[in-house]
């Protein structure tokens, strides 16, 4: 007689597709289990208790039991549906992008409670009108890079490891700033304002980045750095980037 493995965790739904006649196949990022795939039985039915629990962006407490290959949803309770994000094109696009980043960049079952907390914080801040969404997304990208092994070094030269106050160059092969004495190749020149902004976004709690005020040119430089690293080091390019570029035009 087999004993079912029951797991309880907070999670946010990052992707959902229809599965069979009445079910859904769901991807979720969980505090205790990392990124998982689960089946929600009957979730396609309009009267199903699982319908609202399996909508993209829903944040809740979930109880799963582990089947032979996939988790199965037993029950759940919504903490925040984040459905307000769906009513604003900018917020919807940015929130879809961070969900796609989690899907692309995080390995299945890889638990990282700090990244989970940063992910939830990012969505809560997107759900307000308190800050520059573009800078918030850059801050989240930097945290994701740190969590998945591609973090940037800003306080030391990434080549010789000497302490540096600032720099005008980011090495994309050594992942960080380069001092005046080391060779500058395989990277991007950046203004010192851009470099300092990147370091601020990397080191400052996300709910405090509203203190940063930069112009459009600096924002472009920051985006160029993070986008290049994301596109070069993960399995696929985020499709949401096209929509992000569209809404900024």
Protein backbone atom coordinates (compact mmCIF):
# COMPACT_ATOMS: atom_id res chain seq x y z
CA UNK A 1 0.00 0.00 0.00
CA UNK A 2 1.53 3.32 -1.07
CA UNK A 3 1.35 6.40 1.14
CA UNK A 4 0.73 9.71 -0.62
CA UNK A 5 3.30 12.44 -0.07
CA UNK A 6 1.43 15.58 1.02
CA UNK A 7 3.13 18.98 0.61
CA UNK A 8 1.90 22.36 1.86
CA UNK A 9 3.48 25.53 0.52
CA UNK A 10 2.90 29.09 -0.54
CA UNK A 11 3.08 29.44 -4.31
CA UNK A 12 2.32 31.70 -7.22
CA UNK A 13 0.92 30.48 -10.52
CA UNK A 14 3.23 31.38 -13.41
CA UNK A 15 1.65 29.47 -16.32
CA UNK A 16 -1.43 27.38 -17.07
CA UNK A 17 -2.68 25.35 -20.05
CA UNK A 18 -5.78 23.23 -20.63
CA UNK A 19 -5.28 19.51 -20.02
CA UNK A 20 -7.71 16.82 -21.12
CA UNK A 21 -11.43 17.65 -20.99
CA UNK A 22 -11.85 19.43 -17.66
CA UNK A 23 -8.38 19.71 -16.11
CA UNK A 24 -5.52 22.18 -16.21
CA UNK A 25 -1.77 21.67 -16.23
CA UNK A 26 -0.19 24.35 -14.05
CA UNK A 27 3.33 25.64 -13.48
CA UNK A 28 3.90 27.25 -10.07
CA UNK A 29 6.81 28.73 -8.19
CA UNK A 30 6.69 27.55 -4.59
CA UNK A 31 8.38 28.66 -1.41
CA UNK A 32 9.04 25.11 -0.20
CA UNK A 33 9.19 23.13 -3.46
CA UNK A 34 10.71 25.50 -6.02
CA UNK A 35 9.24 25.42 -9.53
CA UNK A 36 6.82 22.56 -10.02
CA UNK A 37 4.19 21.34 -12.47
CA UNK A 38 0.85 20.10 -11.14
CA UNK A 39 -2.55 18.92 -12.34
CA UNK A 40 -5.69 20.71 -11.17
CA UNK A 41 -8.61 18.35 -11.64
CA UNK A 42 -11.79 19.97 -12.94
CA UNK A 43 -10.23 23.45 -12.95
CA UNK A 44 -11.66 24.26 -16.40
CA UNK A 45 -15.22 24.06 -15.06
CA UNK A 46 -16.72 27.47 -14.23
CA UNK A 47 -18.05 26.24 -10.88
CA UNK A 48 -14.85 24.49 -9.83
CA UNK A 49 -13.28 25.53 -6.54
CA UNK A 50 -9.93 25.18 -8.30
CA UNK A 51 -10.68 27.70 -11.06
CA UNK A 52 -9.63 30.85 -9.20
CA UNK A 53 -6.74 29.03 -7.50
CA UNK A 54 -5.16 28.25 -10.85
CA UNK A 55 -5.39 31.60 -12.61
CA UNK A 56 -2.01 33.09 -13.64
CA UNK A 57 -0.52 35.39 -10.97
CA UNK A 58 -2.63 33.89 -8.17
CA UNK A 59 -0.65 33.81 -4.91
CA UNK A 60 -1.89 31.40 -2.29
CA UNK A 61 -1.35 28.56 0.13
CA UNK A 62 -1.59 25.21 -1.64
CA UNK A 63 -1.71 21.58 -0.57
CA UNK A 64 -0.44 19.06 -3.12
CA UNK A 65 -0.06 15.32 -3.17
CA UNK A 66 2.68 13.79 -5.29
CA UNK A 67 1.55 11.43 -8.00
CA UNK A 68 3.76 9.12 -10.00
CA UNK A 69 5.07 11.93 -12.23
CA UNK A 70 3.32 15.16 -11.25
CA UNK A 71 1.91 16.92 -8.24
CA UNK A 72 -1.87 17.05 -7.91
CA UNK A 73 -3.73 19.96 -6.34
CA UNK A 74 -5.72 18.90 -3.30
CA UNK A 75 -6.86 22.28 -1.98
CA UNK A 76 -5.75 25.87 -1.57
CA UNK A 77 -6.49 29.32 -0.19
CA UNK A 78 -5.90 32.59 -2.06
CA UNK A 79 -3.66 35.17 -0.38
CA UNK A 80 -3.70 37.67 -3.25
CA UNK A 81 -5.12 37.04 -6.71
CA UNK A 82 -3.20 40.00 -8.21
CA UNK A 83 -6.03 40.24 -10.72
CA UNK A 84 -5.69 44.05 -10.60
CA UNK A 85 -2.53 43.61 -12.66
CA UNK A 86 -4.68 42.31 -15.53
CA UNK A 87 -6.51 45.62 -15.93
CA UNK A 88 -3.43 47.66 -16.83
CA UNK A 89 -1.42 46.82 -19.96
CA UNK A 90 1.91 48.00 -18.52
CA UNK A 91 1.43 46.08 -15.27
CA UNK A 92 0.17 42.98 -17.08
CA UNK A 93 3.16 42.99 -19.43
CA UNK A 94 5.72 43.47 -16.67
CA UNK A 95 4.12 40.82 -14.43
CA UNK A 96 3.93 38.36 -17.35
CA UNK A 97 7.61 39.03 -18.01
CA UNK A 98 8.76 38.24 -14.46
CA UNK A 99 6.67 35.06 -14.49
CA UNK A 100 8.29 34.06 -17.78
CA UNK A 101 11.73 34.75 -16.32
CA UNK A 102 11.02 32.38 -13.43
CA UNK A 103 9.82 29.76 -15.90
CA UNK A 104 12.90 30.10 -18.12
CA UNK A 105 15.69 30.73 -15.63
CA UNK A 106 14.84 28.60 -12.59
CA UNK A 107 15.43 24.86 -12.58
CA UNK A 108 12.60 22.54 -11.56
CA UNK A 109 12.46 21.78 -7.82
CA UNK A 110 15.29 24.23 -7.04
CA UNK A 111 14.26 25.90 -3.78
CA UNK A 112 15.37 29.48 -3.19
CA UNK A 113 13.29 31.22 -0.54
CA UNK A 114 15.07 34.54 -1.06
CA UNK A 115 14.21 34.58 -4.76
CA UNK A 116 10.64 33.51 -3.95
CA UNK A 117 10.33 36.45 -1.56
CA UNK A 118 11.81 38.83 -4.15
CA UNK A 119 9.36 37.51 -6.75
CA UNK A 120 6.35 38.13 -4.51
CA UNK A 121 7.68 41.55 -3.49
CA UNK A 122 8.06 42.51 -7.15
CA UNK A 123 4.43 41.60 -7.87
CA UNK A 124 3.16 43.49 -4.83
CA UNK A 125 5.10 46.59 -5.91
CA UNK A 126 3.84 46.25 -9.50
CA UNK A 127 0.35 46.21 -8.04
CA UNK A 128 0.88 49.72 -6.65
CA UNK A 129 1.55 53.06 -8.31
CA UNK A 130 4.47 53.83 -6.05
CA UNK A 131 7.51 53.53 -8.30
CA UNK A 132 9.09 53.33 -11.71
CA UNK A 133 8.10 49.89 -13.01
CA UNK A 134 11.02 49.74 -15.44
CA UNK A 135 13.58 50.16 -12.66
CA UNK A 136 11.68 47.64 -10.53
CA UNK A 137 11.98 45.06 -13.31
CA UNK A 138 15.72 45.75 -13.68
CA UNK A 139 16.10 45.23 -9.91
CA UNK A 140 14.29 41.90 -10.14
CA UNK A 141 16.39 40.81 -13.12
CA UNK A 142 19.56 41.47 -11.12
CA UNK A 143 18.25 39.38 -8.22
CA UNK A 144 17.34 36.58 -10.59
CA UNK A 145 20.85 36.66 -12.08
CA UNK A 146 22.34 36.48 -8.58
CA UNK A 147 20.10 33.55 -7.65
CA UNK A 148 20.89 31.53 -10.78
CA UNK A 149 24.66 31.93 -10.94
CA UNK A 150 25.05 34.95 -13.23
CA UNK A 151 25.22 37.77 -10.70
CA UNK A 152 27.28 40.87 -11.46
CA UNK A 153 30.19 42.09 -9.31
CA UNK A 154 30.16 45.87 -8.82
CA UNK A 155 32.46 46.50 -5.83
CA UNK A 156 35.53 44.67 -7.16
CA UNK A 157 37.05 44.34 -10.59
CA UNK A 158 35.65 41.07 -11.92
CA UNK A 159 39.03 40.24 -13.48
CA UNK A 160 41.74 41.19 -10.97
CA UNK A 161 39.45 41.43 -7.91
CA UNK A 162 40.77 44.83 -6.80
CA UNK A 163 38.23 47.09 -5.07
CA UNK A 164 36.71 49.72 -7.38
CA UNK A 165 34.54 52.71 -6.59
CA UNK A 166 32.93 52.83 -10.02
CA UNK A 167 33.61 51.81 -13.62
CA UNK A 168 32.66 52.58 -17.21
CA UNK A 169 32.70 49.00 -18.46
CA UNK A 170 30.80 45.76 -17.76
CA UNK A 171 32.47 42.49 -18.74
CA UNK A 172 29.82 40.11 -20.07
CA UNK A 173 32.16 37.12 -19.85
CA UNK A 174 33.41 37.75 -16.30
CA UNK A 175 30.12 39.28 -15.06
CA UNK A 176 31.04 42.58 -13.52
CA UNK A 177 32.82 45.91 -13.58
CA UNK A 178 36.37 46.23 -14.90
CA UNK A 179 39.05 48.48 -13.40
CA UNK A 180 41.22 50.92 -15.40
CA UNK A 181 44.16 48.49 -15.42
CA UNK A 182 42.48 45.39 -16.87
CA UNK A 183 41.64 44.65 -20.49
CA UNK A 184 38.19 45.70 -21.60
CA UNK A 185 36.90 43.08 -24.01
CA UNK A 186 33.77 40.98 -24.43
CA UNK A 187 31.64 43.56 -22.71
CA UNK A 188 29.82 46.88 -22.86
CA UNK A 189 30.90 50.44 -22.17
CA UNK A 190 28.51 52.17 -19.83
CA UNK A 191 28.36 55.62 -18.27
CA UNK A 192 29.43 55.92 -14.66
CA UNK A 193 25.88 57.00 -13.86
CA UNK A 194 24.63 53.77 -15.44
CA UNK A 195 27.16 51.70 -13.52
CA UNK A 196 26.27 53.35 -10.22
CA UNK A 197 22.55 52.85 -10.96
CA UNK A 198 23.11 49.15 -11.63
CA UNK A 199 24.98 48.78 -8.35
CA UNK A 200 22.21 50.64 -6.48
CA UNK A 201 19.51 48.40 -7.98
CA UNK A 202 21.57 45.31 -7.17
CA UNK A 203 22.25 46.22 -3.54
CA UNK A 204 19.10 48.07 -2.45
CA UNK A 205 15.88 46.39 -1.21
CA UNK A 206 13.26 46.55 -3.94
CA UNK A 207 10.85 48.57 -1.85
CA UNK A 208 13.52 51.30 -1.54
CA UNK A 209 14.50 51.68 -5.21
CA UNK A 210 12.02 54.56 -5.61
CA UNK A 211 14.90 56.68 -4.28
CA UNK A 212 16.74 56.22 -7.57
CA UNK A 213 16.08 58.85 -10.23
CA UNK A 214 17.74 58.37 -13.63
CA UNK A 215 17.11 59.58 -17.16
CA UNK A 216 16.02 57.51 -20.19
CA UNK A 217 19.56 57.09 -21.49
CA UNK A 218 20.74 55.53 -18.23
CA UNK A 219 17.68 53.24 -18.21
CA UNK A 220 18.59 52.07 -21.72
CA UNK A 221 22.15 51.29 -20.63
CA UNK A 222 20.94 49.27 -17.63
CA UNK A 223 18.44 47.36 -19.74
CA UNK A 224 21.08 46.59 -22.38
CA UNK A 225 23.31 44.94 -19.77
CA UNK A 226 20.64 42.80 -18.07
CA UNK A 227 18.92 41.84 -21.34
CA UNK A 228 22.19 40.70 -22.95
CA UNK A 229 23.06 38.47 -19.99
CA UNK A 230 19.56 36.97 -19.83
CA UNK A 231 19.41 36.30 -23.56
CA UNK A 232 22.92 34.79 -23.62
CA UNK A 233 22.85 32.45 -20.64
CA UNK A 234 19.45 30.77 -20.44
CA UNK A 235 17.72 28.18 -22.57
CA UNK A 236 15.43 30.57 -24.44
CA UNK A 237 14.71 34.24 -24.94
CA UNK A 238 11.69 35.65 -23.07
CA UNK A 239 8.89 36.31 -25.56
CA UNK A 240 7.49 39.03 -23.29
CA UNK A 241 10.47 41.21 -24.23
CA UNK A 242 8.81 42.07 -27.53
CA UNK A 243 5.71 43.37 -25.76
CA UNK A 244 7.87 45.23 -23.24
CA UNK A 245 9.65 47.04 -26.05
CA UNK A 246 6.34 47.80 -27.72
CA UNK A 247 4.72 49.48 -24.72
CA UNK A 248 7.80 51.66 -24.13
CA UNK A 249 7.65 53.12 -27.66
